[in-house]
PDB file of N, CA and C in Angstrom:
ATOM      1  N   MET A   1      89.025  77.046  80.428  1.00  0.00           N
ATOM      2  CA  MET A   1      90.046  78.569  80.367  1.00  0.00           C
ATOM      3  C   MET A   1      90.844  78.113  80.087  1.00  0.00           C
ATOM      4  N   ALA A   2      91.321  77.307  79.139  1.00  0.00           N
ATOM      5  CA  ALA A   2      92.792  76.365  78.812  1.00  0.00           C
ATOM      6  C   ALA A   2      93.300  77.411  78.009  1.00  0.00           C
ATOM      7  N   ALA A   3      92.043  77.630  77.165  1.00  0.00           N
ATOM      8  CA  ALA A   3      92.048  78.213  75.703  1.00  0.00           C
ATOM      9  C   ALA A   3      92.327  79.877  75.829  1.00  0.00           C
ATOM     10  N   TRP A   4      91.940  80.382  76.906  1.00  0.00           N
ATOM     11  CA  TRP A   4      91.997  81.500  77.471  1.00  0.00           C
ATOM     12  C   TRP A   4      93.374  82.136  76.811  1.00  0.00           C
ATOM     13  N   PRO A   5      94.031  83.484  76.964  1.00  0.00           N
ATOM     14  CA  PRO A   5      95.005  84.194  76.543  1.00  0.00           C
ATOM     15  C   PRO A   5      95.463  84.345  77.810  1.00  0.00           C
ATOM     16  N   GLN A   6      96.633  83.456  78.427  1.00  0.00           N
ATOM     17  CA  GLN A   6      97.596  84.151  79.466  1.00  0.00           C
ATOM     18  C   GLN A   6      97.428  85.153  80.222  1.00  0.00           C
ATOM     19  N   GLU A   7      97.329  86.028  79.923  1.00  0.00           N
ATOM     20  CA  GLU A   7      96.534  87.005  80.693  1.00  0.00           C
ATOM     21  C   GLU A   7      95.363  87.516  81.237  1.00  0.00           C
ATOM     22  N   ASP A   8      94.628  86.639  80.625  1.00  0.00           N
ATOM     23  CA  ASP A   8      93.822  86.559  81.166  1.00  0.00           C
ATOM     24  C   ASP A   8      93.408  85.415  82.518  1.00  0.00           C
ATOM     25  N   GLN A   9      94.057  84.296  82.006  1.00  0.00           N
ATOM     26  CA  GLN A   9      94.266  83.106  82.899  1.00  0.00           C
ATOM     27  C   GLN A   9      95.489  83.807  84.457  1.00  0.00           C
ATOM     28  N   ASP A  10      95.888  84.837  84.763  1.00  0.00           N
ATOM     29  CA  ASP A  10      96.949  85.264  84.907  1.00  0.00           C
ATOM     30  C   ASP A  10      95.439  85.898  86.314  1.00  0.00           C
ATOM     31  N   GLU A  11      95.072  86.602  85.792  1.00  0.00           N
ATOM     32  CA  GLU A  11      93.711  87.266  86.216  1.00  0.00           C
ATOM     33  C   GLU A  11      92.530  87.053  87.279  1.00  0.00           C
ATOM     34  N   LEU A  12      92.580  86.044  86.194  1.00  0.00           N
ATOM     35  CA  LEU A  12      91.601  85.120  86.760  1.00  0.00           C
ATOM     36  C   LEU A  12      92.091  84.590  88.137  1.00  0.00           C
ATOM     37  N   ALA A  13      93.537  83.788  88.018  1.00  0.00           N
ATOM     38  CA  ALA A  13      94.007  83.414  89.389  1.00  0.00           C
ATOM     39  C   ALA A  13      94.813  84.244  90.320  1.00  0.00           C
ATOM     40  N   GLU A  14      94.458  85.953  89.696  1.00  0.00           N
ATOM     41  CA  GLU A  14      94.787  86.987  91.160  1.00  0.00           C
ATOM     42  C   GLU A  14      93.080  86.972  91.571  1.00  0.00           C
ATOM     43  N   ILE A  15      92.127  87.007  91.274  1.00  0.00           N
ATOM     44  CA  ILE A  15      90.672  86.990  91.292  1.00  0.00           C
ATOM     45  C   ILE A  15      90.805  85.806  92.644  1.00  0.00           C
ATOM     46  N   ALA A  16      91.034  84.823  91.959  1.00  0.00           N
ATOM     47  CA  ALA A  16      90.647  83.506  93.348  1.00  0.00           C
ATOM     48  C   ALA A  16      91.580  83.660  94.466  1.00  0.00           C
ATOM     49  N   ALA A  17      92.741  83.773  94.088  1.00  0.00           N
ATOM     50  CA  ALA A  17      93.896  84.120  95.315  1.00  0.00           C
ATOM     51  C   ALA A  17      92.604  85.396  96.611  1.00  0.00           C
ATOM     52  N   ASP A  18      92.313  86.560  95.833  1.00  0.00           N
ATOM     53  CA  ASP A  18      91.594  87.503  96.639  1.00  0.00           C
ATOM     54  C   ASP A  18      90.022  86.590  97.396  1.00  0.00           C
ATOM     55  N   ILE A  19      89.895  85.748  96.487  1.00  0.00           N
ATOM     56  CA  ILE A  19      89.052  85.477  97.007  1.00  0.00           C
ATOM     57  C   ILE A  19      89.141  84.154  97.909  1.00  0.00           C
ATOM     58  N   GLU A  20      89.779  83.760  98.102  1.00  0.00           N
ATOM     59  CA  GLU A  20      90.127  82.903  98.856  1.00  0.00           C
ATOM     60  C   GLU A  20      90.846  83.334 100.381  1.00  0.00           C
ATOM     61  N   ALA A  21      91.528  84.259 100.533  1.00  0.00           N
ATOM     62  CA  ALA A  21      91.925  85.026 101.267  1.00  0.00           C
ATOM     63  C   ALA A  21      91.001  85.836 102.012  1.00  0.00           C
ATOM     64  N   ARG A  22      89.510  85.966 101.278  1.00  0.00           N
ATOM     65  CA  ARG A  22      89.022  86.818 102.035  1.00  0.00           C
ATOM     66  C   ARG A  22      87.495  85.822 103.232  1.00  0.00           C
ATOM     67  N   ARG A  23      87.805  84.437 102.522  1.00  0.00           N
ATOM     68  CA  ARG A  23      87.218  83.168 102.871  1.00  0.00           C
ATOM     69  C   ARG A  23      88.034  82.756 104.355  1.00  0.00           C
ATOM     70  N   THR A  24      89.392  83.101 104.147  1.00  0.00           N
ATOM     71  CA  THR A  24      90.559  82.110 104.993  1.00  0.00           C
ATOM     72  C   THR A  24      90.730  83.305 105.901  1.00  0.00           C
ATOM     73  N   GLY A  25      91.104  84.311 105.372  1.00  0.00           N
ATOM     74  CA  GLY A  25      91.628  85.402 106.086  1.00  0.00           C
ATOM     75  C   GLY A  25      92.912  85.290 106.342  1.00  0.00           C
ATOM     76  N   VAL A  26      93.744  84.412 104.778  1.00  0.00           N
ATOM     77  CA  VAL A  26      95.141  84.272 104.810  1.00  0.00           C
ATOM     78  C   VAL A  26      95.577  84.556 103.077  1.00  0.00           C
ATOM     79  N   TYR A  27      96.032  85.488 103.442  1.00  0.00           N
ATOM     80  CA  TYR A  27      96.890  86.107 101.688  1.00  0.00           C
ATOM     81  C   TYR A  27      98.506  85.516 101.329  1.00  0.00           C
ATOM     82  N   ARG A  28      97.772  84.893 100.099  1.00  0.00           N
ATOM     83  CA  ARG A  28      99.403  84.700  99.774  1.00  0.00           C
ATOM     84  C   ARG A  28      99.920  85.630  98.983  1.00  0.00           C
ATOM     85  N   LEU A  29     101.440  85.598  98.905  1.00  0.00           N
ATOM     86  CA  LEU A  29     101.758  87.158  98.118  1.00  0.00           C
ATOM     87  C   LEU A  29     101.866  86.093  96.585  1.00  0.00           C
ATOM     88  N   SER A  30     101.811  86.432  95.470  1.00  0.00           N
ATOM     89  CA  SER A  30     102.376  85.963  94.164  1.00  0.00           C
ATOM     90  C   SER A  30     104.072  86.443  94.543  1.00  0.00           C
ATOM     91  N   ASP A  31     104.257  86.764  93.412  1.00  0.00           N
ATOM     92  CA  ASP A  31     105.763  85.792  93.349  1.00  0.00           C
ATOM     93  C   ASP A  31     106.573  87.693  93.278  1.00  0.00           C
ATOM     94  N   ASP A  32     105.893  88.232  92.281  1.00  0.00           N
ATOM     95  CA  ASP A  32     106.088  89.746  92.241  1.00  0.00           C
ATOM     96  C   ASP A  32     106.402  90.643  93.701  1.00  0.00           C
ATOM     97  N   GLU A  33     104.763  90.302  94.153  1.00  0.00           N
ATOM     98  CA  GLU A  33     104.747  90.599  95.547  1.00  0.00           C
ATOM     99  C   GLU A  33     105.447  90.424  96.660  1.00  0.00           C
ATOM    100  N   ARG A  34     106.400  89.279  96.434  1.00  0.00           N
ATOM    101  CA  ARG A  34     107.178  89.002  97.741  1.00  0.00           C
ATOM    102  C   ARG A  34     108.690  89.624  96.994  1.00  0.00           C
ATOM    103  N   ARG A  35     108.552  89.358  95.926  1.00  0.00           N
ATOM    104  CA  ARG A  35     109.803  90.566  95.550  1.00  0.00           C
ATOM    105  C   ARG A  35     110.220  91.365  96.501  1.00  0.00           C
ATOM    106  N   ALA A  36     108.617  92.494  95.604  1.00  0.00           N
ATOM    107  CA  ALA A  36     108.862  94.243  96.250  1.00  0.00           C
ATOM    108  C   ALA A  36     108.754  94.063  97.466  1.00  0.00           C
ATOM    109  N   VAL A  37     108.949  92.698  98.776  1.00  0.00           N
ATOM    110  CA  VAL A  37     108.844  93.234  99.995  1.00  0.00           C
ATOM    111  C   VAL A  37     109.828  93.241 100.371  1.00  0.00           C
ATOM    112  N   GLU A  38     110.578  92.086  99.685  1.00  0.00           N
ATOM    113  CA  GLU A  38     111.875  92.185  99.891  1.00  0.00           C
ATOM    114  C   GLU A  38     112.672  93.032  99.560  1.00  0.00           C
ATOM    115  N   GLN A  39     112.760  93.811  98.599  1.00  0.00           N
ATOM    116  CA  GLN A  39     112.876  94.893  98.216  1.00  0.00           C
ATOM    117  C   GLN A  39     113.214  95.660  99.324  1.00  0.00           C
ATOM    118  N   GLY A  40     111.448  96.553  99.473  1.00  0.00           N
ATOM    119  CA  GLY A  40     111.411  97.006 100.280  1.00  0.00           C
ATOM    120  C   GLY A  40     112.243  97.403 101.666  1.00  0.00           C
ATOM    121  N   LEU A  41     111.943  95.529 101.875  1.00  0.00           N
ATOM    122  CA  LEU A  41     112.681  95.419 103.679  1.00  0.00           C
ATOM    123  C   LEU A  41     114.037  95.621 103.492  1.00  0.00           C
ATOM    124  N   ALA A  42     114.472  95.555 102.374  1.00  0.00           N
ATOM    125  CA  ALA A  42     116.093  95.872 101.899  1.00  0.00           C
ATOM    126  C   ALA A  42     116.552  96.820 102.147  1.00  0.00           C
ATOM    127  N   ASP A  43     115.675  97.956 101.464  1.00  0.00           N
ATOM    128  CA  ASP A  43     116.084  99.044 101.345  1.00  0.00           C
ATOM    129  C   ASP A  43     115.292  99.787 103.052  1.00  0.00           C
ATOM    130  N   ALA A  44     114.976  99.548 103.587  1.00  0.00           N
ATOM    131  CA  ALA A  44     114.561  99.777 104.826  1.00  0.00           C
ATOM    132  C   ALA A  44     116.204  99.755 105.707  1.00  0.00           C
ATOM    133  N   ARG A  45     116.024  98.636 105.862  1.00  0.00           N
ATOM    134  CA  ARG A  45     117.701  97.907 106.596  1.00  0.00           C
ATOM    135  C   ARG A  45     118.815  99.022 106.033  1.00  0.00           C
ATOM    136  N   ALA A  46     118.948  98.998 104.819  1.00  0.00           N
ATOM    137  CA  ALA A  46     119.941  99.683 104.097  1.00  0.00           C
ATOM    138  C   ALA A  46     119.908 101.518 104.408  1.00  0.00           C
ATOM    139  N   GLY A  47     118.285 101.505 105.240  1.00  0.00           N
ATOM    140  CA  GLY A  47     118.557 103.552 105.663  1.00  0.00           C
ATOM    141  C   GLY A  47     118.090 104.325 104.153  1.00  0.00           C
ATOM    142  N   ARG A  48     117.680 103.124 103.351  1.00  0.00           N
ATOM    143  CA  ARG A  48     116.484 104.292 101.908  1.00  0.00           C
ATOM    144  C   ARG A  48     115.154 104.672 102.722  1.00  0.00           C
ATOM    145  N   PHE A  49     114.757 105.816 102.137  1.00  0.00           N
ATOM    146  CA  PHE A  49     113.305 106.137 103.126  1.00  0.00           C
ATOM    147  C   PHE A  49     113.619 107.202 102.435  1.00  0.00           C
ATOM    148  N   ALA A  50     112.043 107.434 102.501  1.00  0.00           N
ATOM    149  CA  ALA A  50     111.369 108.823 101.504  1.00  0.00           C
ATOM    150  C   ALA A  50     111.719 109.601 102.762  1.00  0.00           C
ATOM    151  N   SER A  51     112.210 111.114 101.849  1.00  0.00           N
ATOM    152  CA  SER A  51     112.616 112.103 103.025  1.00  0.00           C
ATOM    153  C   SER A  51     110.605 112.793 102.953  1.00  0.00           C
ATOM    154  N   ASP A  52     110.691 113.471 104.607  1.00  0.00           N
ATOM    155  CA  ASP A  52     109.600 114.359 104.826  1.00  0.00           C
ATOM    156  C   ASP A  52     108.877 115.437 103.436  1.00  0.00           C
ATOM    157  N   GLU A  53     109.949 115.690 102.466  1.00  0.00           N
ATOM    158  CA  GLU A  53     109.904 116.954 101.985  1.00  0.00           C
ATOM    159  C   GLU A  53     108.829 115.577 100.563  1.00  0.00           C
ATOM    160  N   GLU A  54     109.668 114.486 100.386  1.00  0.00           N
ATOM    161  CA  GLU A  54     109.486 113.708  99.431  1.00  0.00           C
ATOM    162  C   GLU A  54     107.577 112.993  99.437  1.00  0.00           C
ATOM    163  N   ILE A  55     107.000 112.633 101.213  1.00  0.00           N
ATOM    164  CA  ILE A  55     106.272 112.353 101.302  1.00  0.00           C
ATOM    165  C   ILE A  55     105.391 113.640 101.228  1.00  0.00           C
ATOM    166  N   ASP A  56     105.294 114.600 101.790  1.00  0.00           N
ATOM    167  CA  ASP A  56     104.695 115.495 101.402  1.00  0.00           C
ATOM    168  C   ASP A  56     104.256 116.207  99.840  1.00  0.00           C
ATOM    169  N   ALA A  57     104.976 115.629  99.357  1.00  0.00           N
ATOM    170  CA  ALA A  57     105.027 116.344  97.880  1.00  0.00           C
ATOM    171  C   ALA A  57     103.709 115.279  97.671  1.00  0.00           C
ATOM    172  N   ILE A  58     104.008 113.528  97.463  1.00  0.00           N
ATOM    173  CA  ILE A  58     103.086 112.410  97.743  1.00  0.00           C
ATOM    174  C   ILE A  58     101.626 112.870  98.097  1.00  0.00           C
ATOM    175  N   PHE A  59     101.329 112.916  98.754  1.00  0.00           N
ATOM    176  CA  PHE A  59     100.353 113.435  99.397  1.00  0.00           C
ATOM    177  C   PHE A  59      99.248 114.828  98.725  1.00  0.00           C
ATOM    178  N   ARG A  60     100.013 115.809  98.834  1.00  0.00           N
ATOM    179  CA  ARG A  60      99.758 116.999  97.348  1.00  0.00           C
ATOM    180  C   ARG A  60      99.292 116.808  96.144  1.00  0.00           C
ATOM    181  N   LYS A  61     100.131 115.929  95.502  1.00  0.00           N
ATOM    182  CA  LYS A  61      99.844 114.760  94.641  1.00  0.00           C
ATOM    183  C   LYS A  61      98.316 114.667  94.929  1.00  0.00           C
ATOM    184  N   ALA A  62      98.611 113.699  95.311  1.00  0.00           N
ATOM    185  CA  ALA A  62      96.956 112.955  95.427  1.00  0.00           C
ATOM    186  C   ALA A  62      95.699 113.500  96.172  1.00  0.00           C
ATOM    187  N   ARG A  63      96.871 114.790  97.006  1.00  0.00           N
ATOM    188  CA  ARG A  63      95.262 115.549  96.754  1.00  0.00           C
ATOM    189  C   ARG A  63      94.429 116.390  95.968  1.00  0.00           C
ATOM    190  N   ALA A  64      95.314 116.495  95.306  1.00  0.00           N
ATOM    191  CA  ALA A  64      95.079 117.262  93.853  1.00  0.00           C
ATOM    192  C   ALA A  64      94.405 117.001  92.646  1.00  0.00           C
ATOM    193  N   ALA A  65      94.445 115.488  92.973  1.00  0.00           N
ATOM    194  CA  ALA A  65      94.081 114.657  91.747  1.00  0.00           C
ATOM    195  C   ALA A  65      92.658 114.806  92.753  1.00  0.00           C
ATOM    196  N   ARG A  66      92.221 114.839  93.383  1.00  0.00           N
ATOM    197  CA  ARG A  66      90.468 114.263  94.362  1.00  0.00           C
ATOM    198  C   ARG A  66      90.446 115.617  93.585  1.00  0.00           C
ATOM    199  N   GLU A  67      90.409 116.541  93.188  1.00  0.00           N
ATOM    200  CA  GLU A  67      89.733 118.394  93.173  1.00  0.00           C
ATOM    201  C   GLU A  67      89.046 118.378  92.139  1.00  0.00           C
TER     202      GLU A  67
END
């Protein structure tokens, strides 16, 4: 596997982490996921939330994509 491109090695590591999480019930965040969670928490603390109109638009778009 060392000869695999880095992108493929990263994908394999993600798949292995998913399998491990299913087996143990523990999910370990990647660095990118951890940063995204931290950003989301910072946004929430700062009061940056989507408006009801923005949420409605997201749901309308999702429903339209299924039709």
